[in-house]
C-alpha cells in the first residue's frame, strides 16, 4: 500500500507543478507588397498632379505674358505708324508699256501617238471589217503577220 500512496503522492505533486508557461507571442509587423505598392502609387499620383498643376500654371503665365506683349506691340505700332496719304500719280507722264525682253514661247504640237501594243488591238478590230490584201499594206508588218496567221487558221 505504501507503494501506491507513493505513486499517488508523486502524481499529485506532478499535477501541482505548473508546466513551463510560454510568453505571449508578439506579432511581427507584416509589410505586404500591396501596401508598399499603394504608397508608391499615391506618391506617384501626387507627383503627376503636381506636374500637371505646374504645367497649367506655366501655360497661364505664358498666355498672360503673350497678351501683355501683344498689347504693348499694338500701342507701339499705333504711335509709330502714322497714317499717310497715298501719293498722287503723275498724270503729266502717262504710263507707256514697254515690250518684254523675254523670248516668246515656241508652241509644240501634241503627240497623238498610239502605243504599239494598243495599235495591234485597234488594227485587229478594224482589219476584221476590212477585206482584201490591199488594205493591209498600210498596217505595220507585225500586224500584217498576225492577221495572216488568223486567216490561215480560219479564226477571223
N, C-alpha and C. Protein backbone atom coordinates (compact mmCIF):
# COMPACT_ATOMS: atom_id res chain seq x y z
N UNK A 1 0.81 -1.17 0.00
CA UNK A 1 0.00 0.00 0.00
C UNK A 1 0.86 1.24 0.00
N UNK A 2 1.88 1.07 0.60
CA UNK A 2 2.77 2.20 0.62
C UNK A 2 3.21 2.59 -0.76
N UNK A 3 3.40 1.64 -1.56
CA UNK A 3 3.83 1.93 -2.92
C UNK A 3 2.78 2.75 -3.65
N UNK A 4 1.64 2.38 -3.44
CA UNK A 4 0.56 3.06 -4.12
C UNK A 4 0.43 4.49 -3.65
N UNK A 5 0.58 4.69 -2.42
CA UNK A 5 0.47 6.05 -1.91
C UNK A 5 1.61 6.91 -2.44
N UNK A 6 2.75 6.26 -2.58
CA UNK A 6 3.85 7.00 -3.13
C UNK A 6 3.58 7.42 -4.55
N UNK A 7 3.01 6.57 -5.32
CA UNK A 7 2.70 6.90 -6.71
C UNK A 7 1.66 8.00 -6.74
N UNK A 8 0.74 7.89 -5.84
CA UNK A 8 -0.29 8.92 -5.80
C UNK A 8 0.30 10.25 -5.41
N UNK A 9 1.18 10.24 -4.47
CA UNK A 9 1.78 11.48 -4.00
C UNK A 9 2.61 12.10 -5.11
N UNK A 10 3.42 11.28 -5.77
CA UNK A 10 4.22 11.83 -6.85
C UNK A 10 3.32 12.32 -7.98
N UNK A 11 2.28 11.60 -8.22
CA UNK A 11 1.33 12.03 -9.26
C UNK A 11 0.67 13.32 -8.84
N UNK A 12 0.32 13.40 -7.58
CA UNK A 12 -0.32 14.59 -7.04
C UNK A 12 0.64 15.76 -7.12
N UNK A 13 1.89 15.52 -6.81
CA UNK A 13 2.89 16.58 -6.89
C UNK A 13 3.13 17.01 -8.32
N UNK A 14 3.10 16.07 -9.21
CA UNK A 14 3.31 16.38 -10.62
C UNK A 14 2.19 17.27 -11.13
N UNK A 15 1.00 17.08 -10.61
CA UNK A 15 -0.12 17.91 -11.04
C UNK A 15 0.00 19.30 -10.47
N UNK A 16 0.58 19.42 -9.29
CA UNK A 16 0.71 20.73 -8.67
C UNK A 16 1.76 21.60 -9.36
N UNK A 17 2.77 20.99 -9.92
CA UNK A 17 3.81 21.75 -10.59
C UNK A 17 3.24 22.23 -11.94
N UNK A 18 3.31 23.51 -12.12
CA UNK A 18 2.76 24.08 -13.35
C UNK A 18 3.76 23.89 -14.50
N UNK A 19 3.25 23.61 -15.61
CA UNK A 19 4.17 23.45 -16.75
C UNK A 19 4.80 24.79 -17.12
N UNK A 20 5.87 24.75 -17.88
CA UNK A 20 6.58 25.95 -18.31
C UNK A 20 5.64 26.79 -19.19
N UNK A 21 5.41 28.01 -18.79
CA UNK A 21 4.48 28.87 -19.50
C UNK A 21 5.25 29.64 -20.55
N UNK A 22 4.73 29.59 -21.82
CA UNK A 22 5.37 30.33 -22.90
C UNK A 22 4.93 31.78 -22.81
N UNK A 23 5.81 32.66 -23.23
CA UNK A 23 5.45 34.07 -23.26
C UNK A 23 4.50 34.30 -24.43
N UNK A 24 3.70 35.31 -24.28
CA UNK A 24 2.79 35.65 -25.39
C UNK A 24 3.61 36.06 -26.61
N UNK A 25 3.18 35.58 -27.76
CA UNK A 25 3.91 35.90 -28.99
C UNK A 25 3.60 37.32 -29.42
N UNK A 26 4.64 37.98 -29.83
CA UNK A 26 4.47 39.34 -30.31
C UNK A 26 4.33 39.26 -31.84
N UNK A 27 3.23 39.77 -32.37
CA UNK A 27 3.06 39.65 -33.83
C UNK A 27 4.08 40.52 -34.57
N UNK A 28 4.58 39.99 -35.65
CA UNK A 28 5.53 40.71 -36.48
C UNK A 28 4.74 41.66 -37.38
N UNK A 29 5.25 42.87 -37.51
CA UNK A 29 4.58 43.83 -38.38
C UNK A 29 4.81 43.41 -39.82
N UNK A 30 3.77 42.96 -40.47
CA UNK A 30 3.89 42.48 -41.84
C UNK A 30 3.88 43.65 -42.82
N UNK A 31 4.73 43.57 -43.82
CA UNK A 31 4.74 44.57 -44.88
C UNK A 31 4.37 43.85 -46.17
N UNK A 32 3.13 43.99 -46.54
CA UNK A 32 2.67 43.34 -47.76
C UNK A 32 3.05 44.18 -48.97
N UNK A 33 3.23 43.49 -50.08
CA UNK A 33 3.60 44.18 -51.33
C UNK A 33 2.49 45.14 -51.76
N UNK A 34 1.25 44.77 -51.51
CA UNK A 34 0.13 45.65 -51.87
C UNK A 34 0.20 46.98 -51.14
N UNK A 35 0.56 46.92 -49.84
CA UNK A 35 0.66 48.16 -49.06
C UNK A 35 1.79 49.04 -49.58
N UNK A 36 2.92 48.43 -49.88
CA UNK A 36 4.07 49.18 -50.40
C UNK A 36 3.71 49.79 -51.75
N UNK A 37 3.07 49.00 -52.60
CA UNK A 37 2.67 49.48 -53.93
C UNK A 37 1.66 50.62 -53.82
N UNK A 38 0.74 50.54 -52.87
CA UNK A 38 -0.26 51.59 -52.69
C UNK A 38 0.41 52.91 -52.28
N UNK A 39 1.40 52.82 -51.43
CA UNK A 39 2.12 54.03 -51.01
C UNK A 39 2.88 54.64 -52.18
N UNK A 40 3.56 53.78 -52.94
CA UNK A 40 4.30 54.27 -54.11
C UNK A 40 3.36 54.89 -55.14
N UNK A 41 2.24 54.24 -55.36
CA UNK A 41 1.27 54.75 -56.33
C UNK A 41 0.69 56.10 -55.88
N UNK A 42 0.41 56.24 -54.61
CA UNK A 42 -0.10 57.51 -54.09
C UNK A 42 0.94 58.61 -54.27
N UNK A 43 2.21 58.27 -54.00
CA UNK A 43 3.29 59.25 -54.19
C UNK A 43 3.39 59.65 -55.66
N UNK A 44 3.30 58.65 -56.55
CA UNK A 44 3.37 58.93 -58.00
C UNK A 44 2.19 59.78 -58.45
N UNK A 45 0.99 59.45 -57.99
CA UNK A 45 -0.20 60.23 -58.37
C UNK A 45 -0.06 61.68 -57.89
N UNK A 46 0.52 61.86 -56.71
CA UNK A 46 0.74 63.22 -56.20
C UNK A 46 1.74 63.97 -57.08
N UNK A 47 2.81 63.28 -57.50
CA UNK A 47 3.80 63.91 -58.38
C UNK A 47 3.18 64.31 -59.71
N UNK A 48 2.36 63.42 -60.28
CA UNK A 48 1.71 63.72 -61.56
C UNK A 48 0.78 64.91 -61.42
N UNK A 49 0.00 64.93 -60.35
CA UNK A 49 -0.92 66.05 -60.13
C UNK A 49 -0.14 67.35 -59.97
N UNK A 50 0.97 67.30 -59.25
CA UNK A 50 1.80 68.50 -59.06
C UNK A 50 2.38 68.97 -60.39
N UNK A 51 2.83 68.02 -61.20
CA UNK A 51 3.40 68.36 -62.50
C UNK A 51 2.34 69.00 -63.40
N UNK A 52 1.15 68.42 -63.43
CA UNK A 52 0.06 69.00 -64.23
C UNK A 52 -0.29 70.40 -63.76
N UNK A 53 -0.32 70.58 -62.46
CA UNK A 53 -0.63 71.91 -61.92
C UNK A 53 0.43 72.92 -62.34
N UNK A 54 1.72 72.52 -62.28
CA UNK A 54 2.79 73.41 -62.70
C UNK A 54 2.71 73.75 -64.19
N UNK A 55 2.39 72.74 -65.00
CA UNK A 55 2.27 72.97 -66.45
C UNK A 55 1.13 73.93 -66.73
N UNK A 56 0.01 73.72 -66.07
CA UNK A 56 -1.15 74.60 -66.25
C UNK A 56 -0.80 76.03 -65.82
N UNK A 57 -0.11 76.15 -64.70
CA UNK A 57 0.29 77.47 -64.21
C UNK A 57 1.26 78.12 -65.20
N UNK A 58 2.20 77.33 -65.73
CA UNK A 58 3.16 77.85 -66.70
C UNK A 58 2.45 78.33 -67.97
N UNK A 59 1.47 77.57 -68.45
CA UNK A 59 0.72 77.96 -69.64
C UNK A 59 -0.04 79.27 -69.41
N UNK A 60 -0.68 79.36 -68.26
CA UNK A 60 -1.43 80.58 -67.96
C UNK A 60 -0.49 81.78 -67.89
N UNK A 61 0.68 81.59 -67.27
CA UNK A 61 1.65 82.67 -67.18
C UNK A 61 2.15 83.07 -68.57
N UNK A 62 2.42 82.08 -69.40
CA UNK A 62 2.89 82.36 -70.76
C UNK A 62 1.83 83.09 -71.57
N UNK A 63 0.56 82.66 -71.47
CA UNK A 63 -0.52 83.34 -72.18
C UNK A 63 -0.66 84.78 -71.70
N UNK A 64 -0.51 85.00 -70.39
CA UNK A 64 -0.61 86.35 -69.85
C UNK A 64 0.53 87.22 -70.38
N UNK A 65 1.74 86.66 -70.42
CA UNK A 65 2.89 87.40 -70.95
C UNK A 65 2.69 87.73 -72.43
N UNK A 66 2.19 86.75 -73.18
CA UNK A 66 1.96 86.96 -74.62
C UNK A 66 0.91 88.05 -74.84
N UNK A 67 -0.12 88.03 -74.03
CA UNK A 67 -1.17 89.04 -74.16
C UNK A 67 -0.62 90.43 -73.86
N UNK A 68 0.22 90.53 -72.82
CA UNK A 68 0.85 91.81 -72.50
C UNK A 68 1.76 92.29 -73.63
N UNK A 69 2.53 91.36 -74.20
CA UNK A 69 3.41 91.72 -75.31
C UNK A 69 2.61 92.21 -76.51
N UNK A 70 1.51 91.55 -76.81
CA UNK A 70 0.67 91.97 -77.94
C UNK A 70 0.09 93.36 -77.70
N UNK A 71 -0.33 93.63 -76.46
CA UNK A 71 -0.87 94.94 -76.15
C UNK A 71 0.20 96.02 -76.29
N UNK A 72 1.41 95.73 -75.80
CA UNK A 72 2.50 96.68 -75.94
C UNK A 72 2.85 96.91 -77.41
N UNK A 73 2.84 95.83 -78.18
CA UNK A 73 3.14 95.92 -79.62
C UNK A 73 2.11 96.79 -80.33
N UNK A 74 0.84 96.60 -80.02
CA UNK A 74 -0.20 97.41 -80.67
C UNK A 74 -0.07 98.87 -80.26
N UNK A 75 0.25 99.12 -79.00
CA UNK A 75 0.46 100.50 -78.56
C UNK A 75 1.62 101.14 -79.32
N UNK A 76 2.73 100.39 -79.44
CA UNK A 76 3.91 100.90 -80.13
C UNK A 76 3.60 101.17 -81.60
N UNK A 77 2.88 100.23 -82.25
CA UNK A 77 2.55 100.40 -83.67
C UNK A 77 1.61 101.59 -83.87
N UNK A 78 0.70 101.80 -82.94
CA UNK A 78 -0.21 102.94 -83.07
C UNK A 78 0.55 104.27 -82.97
N UNK A 79 1.59 104.29 -82.15
CA UNK A 79 2.38 105.50 -82.04
C UNK A 79 3.26 105.71 -83.26
N UNK A 80 3.90 104.63 -83.73
CA UNK A 80 4.86 104.74 -84.84
C UNK A 80 4.20 104.90 -86.19
N UNK A 81 3.19 104.12 -86.44
CA UNK A 81 2.57 104.12 -87.77
C UNK A 81 1.54 105.23 -87.88
N UNK A 82 2.02 106.32 -88.38
CA UNK A 82 1.12 107.45 -88.60
C UNK A 82 0.52 107.26 -89.98
N UNK A 83 -0.79 107.30 -90.10
CA UNK A 83 -1.38 107.10 -91.42
C UNK A 83 -0.96 108.22 -92.38
N UNK A 84 -0.50 107.82 -93.55
CA UNK A 84 -0.05 108.77 -94.56
C UNK A 84 -0.93 108.61 -95.79
N UNK A 85 -1.15 109.69 -96.46
CA UNK A 85 -1.95 109.66 -97.67
C UNK A 85 -1.12 109.07 -98.81
N UNK A 86 -1.80 108.46 -99.76
CA UNK A 86 -1.13 107.90 -100.94
C UNK A 86 -0.69 109.06 -101.83
N UNK A 87 0.45 108.89 -102.44
CA UNK A 87 0.93 109.91 -103.36
C UNK A 87 0.06 109.94 -104.62
N UNK A 88 -0.11 111.12 -105.14
CA UNK A 88 -0.90 111.27 -106.38
C UNK A 88 -0.06 110.79 -107.55
N UNK A 89 -0.68 110.07 -108.46
CA UNK A 89 0.09 109.65 -109.65
C UNK A 89 0.41 110.85 -110.53
N UNK A 90 1.48 110.70 -111.30
CA UNK A 90 1.86 111.76 -112.24
C UNK A 90 1.04 111.61 -113.51
N UNK A 91 0.16 112.55 -113.74
CA UNK A 91 -0.66 112.48 -114.94
C UNK A 91 0.01 113.17 -116.13
N UNK A 92 1.03 113.98 -115.88
CA UNK A 92 1.73 114.63 -116.98
C UNK A 92 2.62 113.64 -117.72
N UNK A 93 3.04 112.56 -117.05
CA UNK A 93 3.81 111.50 -117.70
C UNK A 93 2.97 110.22 -117.71
N UNK A 94 2.21 110.00 -118.75
CA UNK A 94 1.36 108.81 -118.76
C UNK A 94 2.18 107.52 -118.86
N UNK A 95 1.60 106.46 -118.40
CA UNK A 95 2.27 105.16 -118.41
C UNK A 95 2.26 104.58 -119.82
N UNK A 96 3.44 104.24 -120.31
CA UNK A 96 3.58 103.63 -121.63
C UNK A 96 4.20 102.25 -121.41
N UNK A 97 3.46 101.19 -121.72
CA UNK A 97 4.02 99.85 -121.51
C UNK A 97 5.18 99.58 -122.47
N UNK A 98 6.21 98.92 -121.96
CA UNK A 98 7.35 98.57 -122.80
C UNK A 98 7.23 97.12 -123.25
N UNK A 99 7.87 96.83 -124.34
CA UNK A 99 7.87 95.48 -124.88
C UNK A 99 8.73 94.60 -123.98
N UNK A 100 8.30 93.38 -123.80
CA UNK A 100 9.01 92.44 -122.95
C UNK A 100 10.33 92.04 -123.60
N UNK A 101 11.32 91.81 -122.76
CA UNK A 101 12.64 91.40 -123.26
C UNK A 101 12.77 89.89 -123.36
N UNK A 102 11.83 89.16 -122.85
CA UNK A 102 11.88 87.70 -122.89
C UNK A 102 11.53 87.20 -124.29
N UNK A 103 12.06 86.03 -124.62
CA UNK A 103 11.74 85.40 -125.90
C UNK A 103 10.33 84.81 -125.84
N UNK A 104 9.57 84.90 -126.91
CA UNK A 104 8.24 84.29 -126.88
C UNK A 104 8.35 82.76 -126.83
N UNK A 105 7.37 82.14 -126.27
CA UNK A 105 7.38 80.67 -126.17
C UNK A 105 7.11 80.06 -127.53
N UNK A 106 7.75 78.94 -127.78
CA UNK A 106 7.58 78.24 -129.04
C UNK A 106 6.54 77.16 -128.83
N UNK A 107 5.42 77.21 -129.58
CA UNK A 107 4.39 76.18 -129.36
C UNK A 107 4.86 74.83 -129.89
N UNK A 108 4.44 73.78 -129.20
CA UNK A 108 4.75 72.42 -129.65
C UNK A 108 3.45 71.72 -129.97
N UNK A 109 3.52 70.86 -130.97
CA UNK A 109 2.32 70.11 -131.32
C UNK A 109 2.16 68.95 -130.36
N UNK A 110 0.93 68.63 -130.02
CA UNK A 110 0.73 67.48 -129.12
C UNK A 110 1.06 66.18 -129.81
N UNK A 111 1.50 65.22 -129.02
CA UNK A 111 1.84 63.90 -129.57
C UNK A 111 0.62 63.00 -129.49
N UNK A 112 0.07 62.72 -130.63
CA UNK A 112 -1.09 61.82 -130.69
C UNK A 112 -0.66 60.45 -131.16
N UNK A 113 0.32 59.87 -130.56
CA UNK A 113 0.76 58.55 -130.99
C UNK A 113 0.07 57.50 -130.13
N UNK A 114 -0.26 56.41 -130.75
CA UNK A 114 -0.89 55.31 -130.04
C UNK A 114 0.20 54.29 -129.76
N UNK A 115 0.31 53.83 -128.53
CA UNK A 115 1.34 52.83 -128.21
C UNK A 115 1.18 51.58 -129.07
N UNK A 116 2.30 50.92 -129.30
CA UNK A 116 2.34 49.78 -130.23
C UNK A 116 1.40 48.66 -129.77
N UNK A 117 1.35 48.36 -128.48
CA UNK A 117 0.51 47.27 -128.02
C UNK A 117 -0.98 47.60 -128.20
N UNK A 118 -1.31 48.89 -128.22
CA UNK A 118 -2.71 49.26 -128.43
C UNK A 118 -3.04 49.31 -129.93
N UNK A 119 -2.06 49.62 -130.76
CA UNK A 119 -2.32 49.67 -132.20
C UNK A 119 -2.69 48.31 -132.73
N UNK A 120 -2.08 47.26 -132.19
CA UNK A 120 -2.37 45.91 -132.68
C UNK A 120 -3.83 45.58 -132.42
N UNK A 121 -4.31 45.88 -131.23
CA UNK A 121 -5.71 45.59 -130.91
C UNK A 121 -6.65 46.41 -131.78
N UNK A 122 -6.34 47.71 -131.88
CA UNK A 122 -7.22 48.58 -132.66
C UNK A 122 -7.23 48.15 -134.13
N UNK A 123 -6.04 47.84 -134.65
CA UNK A 123 -5.96 47.45 -136.06
C UNK A 123 -6.62 46.10 -136.28
N UNK A 124 -6.50 45.21 -135.30
CA UNK A 124 -7.10 43.90 -135.44
C UNK A 124 -8.62 44.04 -135.56
N UNK A 125 -9.18 44.92 -134.77
CA UNK A 125 -10.63 45.11 -134.85
C UNK A 125 -11.00 45.76 -136.17
N UNK A 126 -10.20 46.72 -136.60
CA UNK A 126 -10.52 47.38 -137.86
C UNK A 126 -10.24 46.47 -139.04
N UNK A 127 -9.27 45.54 -138.91
CA UNK A 127 -8.96 44.62 -140.00
C UNK A 127 -10.07 43.61 -140.20
N UNK A 128 -10.82 43.31 -139.17
CA UNK A 128 -11.93 42.37 -139.31
C UNK A 128 -12.97 42.95 -140.26
N UNK A 129 -13.14 44.25 -140.21
CA UNK A 129 -14.11 44.87 -141.11
C UNK A 129 -13.58 44.97 -142.52
N UNK A 130 -12.23 45.07 -142.66
CA UNK A 130 -11.63 45.22 -143.99
C UNK A 130 -11.57 43.87 -144.68
N UNK A 131 -11.58 43.92 -145.97
CA UNK A 131 -11.41 42.67 -146.72
C UNK A 131 -10.44 42.95 -147.85
N UNK A 132 -9.56 42.02 -148.09
CA UNK A 132 -8.61 42.16 -149.20
C UNK A 132 -7.23 42.50 -148.72
N UNK A 133 -6.21 42.04 -149.47
CA UNK A 133 -4.83 42.26 -149.08
C UNK A 133 -4.37 43.69 -149.29
N UNK A 134 -5.01 44.45 -150.15
CA UNK A 134 -4.55 45.81 -150.44
C UNK A 134 -4.75 46.74 -149.23
N UNK A 135 -5.73 46.46 -148.41
CA UNK A 135 -5.98 47.32 -147.25
C UNK A 135 -5.04 47.01 -146.09
N UNK A 136 -4.36 45.86 -146.11
CA UNK A 136 -3.43 45.51 -145.05
C UNK A 136 -2.06 46.13 -145.25
N UNK A 137 -1.79 46.73 -146.39
CA UNK A 137 -0.46 47.24 -146.69
C UNK A 137 -0.10 48.46 -145.84
N UNK A 138 -1.07 49.26 -145.43
CA UNK A 138 -0.75 50.45 -144.64
C UNK A 138 -0.50 50.12 -143.16
N UNK A 139 -0.77 48.88 -142.71
CA UNK A 139 -0.56 48.47 -141.33
C UNK A 139 0.90 48.09 -141.09
N UNK A 140 1.38 48.14 -139.87
CA UNK A 140 2.74 47.70 -139.58
C UNK A 140 2.91 46.22 -139.91
N UNK A 141 4.16 45.81 -140.09
CA UNK A 141 4.44 44.45 -140.52
C UNK A 141 4.01 43.42 -139.48
N UNK A 142 4.14 43.73 -138.19
CA UNK A 142 3.76 42.77 -137.15
C UNK A 142 2.25 42.51 -137.19
N UNK A 143 1.49 43.56 -137.47
CA UNK A 143 0.04 43.40 -137.56
C UNK A 143 -0.31 42.57 -138.78
N UNK A 144 0.41 42.80 -139.87
CA UNK A 144 0.15 42.02 -141.09
C UNK A 144 0.41 40.54 -140.83
N UNK A 145 1.49 40.23 -140.10
CA UNK A 145 1.82 38.83 -139.81
C UNK A 145 0.73 38.20 -138.95
N UNK A 146 0.26 38.93 -137.91
CA UNK A 146 -0.79 38.36 -137.06
C UNK A 146 -2.06 38.14 -137.83
N UNK A 147 -2.41 39.08 -138.69
CA UNK A 147 -3.62 38.92 -139.49
C UNK A 147 -3.50 37.73 -140.43
N UNK A 148 -2.31 37.53 -141.01
CA UNK A 148 -2.10 36.40 -141.91
C UNK A 148 -2.26 35.09 -141.14
N UNK A 149 -1.73 35.04 -139.90
CA UNK A 149 -1.86 33.83 -139.09
C UNK A 149 -3.33 33.53 -138.79
N UNK A 150 -4.10 34.57 -138.45
CA UNK A 150 -5.51 34.38 -138.17
C UNK A 150 -6.26 33.86 -139.39
N UNK A 151 -5.90 34.38 -140.55
CA UNK A 151 -6.58 33.94 -141.78
C UNK A 151 -6.25 32.48 -142.08
N UNK A 152 -4.96 32.11 -141.87
CA UNK A 152 -4.53 30.73 -142.15
C UNK A 152 -5.25 29.74 -141.23
N UNK A 153 -5.49 30.11 -140.00
CA UNK A 153 -6.13 29.20 -139.07
C UNK A 153 -7.64 29.25 -139.17
N UNK A 154 -8.13 30.24 -139.86
CA UNK A 154 -9.57 30.37 -140.01
C UNK A 154 -10.24 30.96 -138.77
N UNK A 155 -9.50 31.77 -138.01
CA UNK A 155 -10.02 32.33 -136.77
C UNK A 155 -10.63 33.72 -136.96
N UNK A 156 -10.54 34.25 -138.10
CA UNK A 156 -11.01 35.62 -138.31
C UNK A 156 -12.47 35.65 -138.24
